[in-house]
Amino acid sequence: QVQLAESGGGLVQAGGSLRLSCTASGRIFSNYYMGWFRQAPGKDREFVGCIMWSGRSTYYSTSVKGRFTISIDSAKNTVYLQMNSLKPEDTAVYYCAADTAALYYSIRAGDYDYWGQGTQVTVSS
């Protein structure tokens, strides 16, 4: 069992930055992939990026690559999503998730076993 809790969402102006945190508890292994997804009203849940718990590999969607960075502080059991140069289209509820059975990273929400409750990010123009 893995429990995930996001924090750090809020309201920011376009061009600004936010850092989201996802604190994990339970049994976590270095081969788990930790993903970030987002869901805007009326849209499907969208892959943002992911990182292997060991921190050795990261992957990003094309829409955020170069603006968002995912990192892990294993001592704190926390995954971060640093979001820079935010745009109004980044407005969504952001979720972290854990894929505990991955042989390779996945962009599909259905492959992730555990989810946090989500945190709202709103970017004003």
Foldseek 3Di string as FASTA:
>chain_A
DKAKAKDWADEEAAQAKTKMKIAMDDDDDQQKKKWKWWDDPPDDIWTAKIAGNVRPDIDGDPVQPPFWDWGDDVVRNMIMIIGGRDDQVVWTWMKMFIQPDDPDDDGDPVNTDYIHPTDTHGYHD
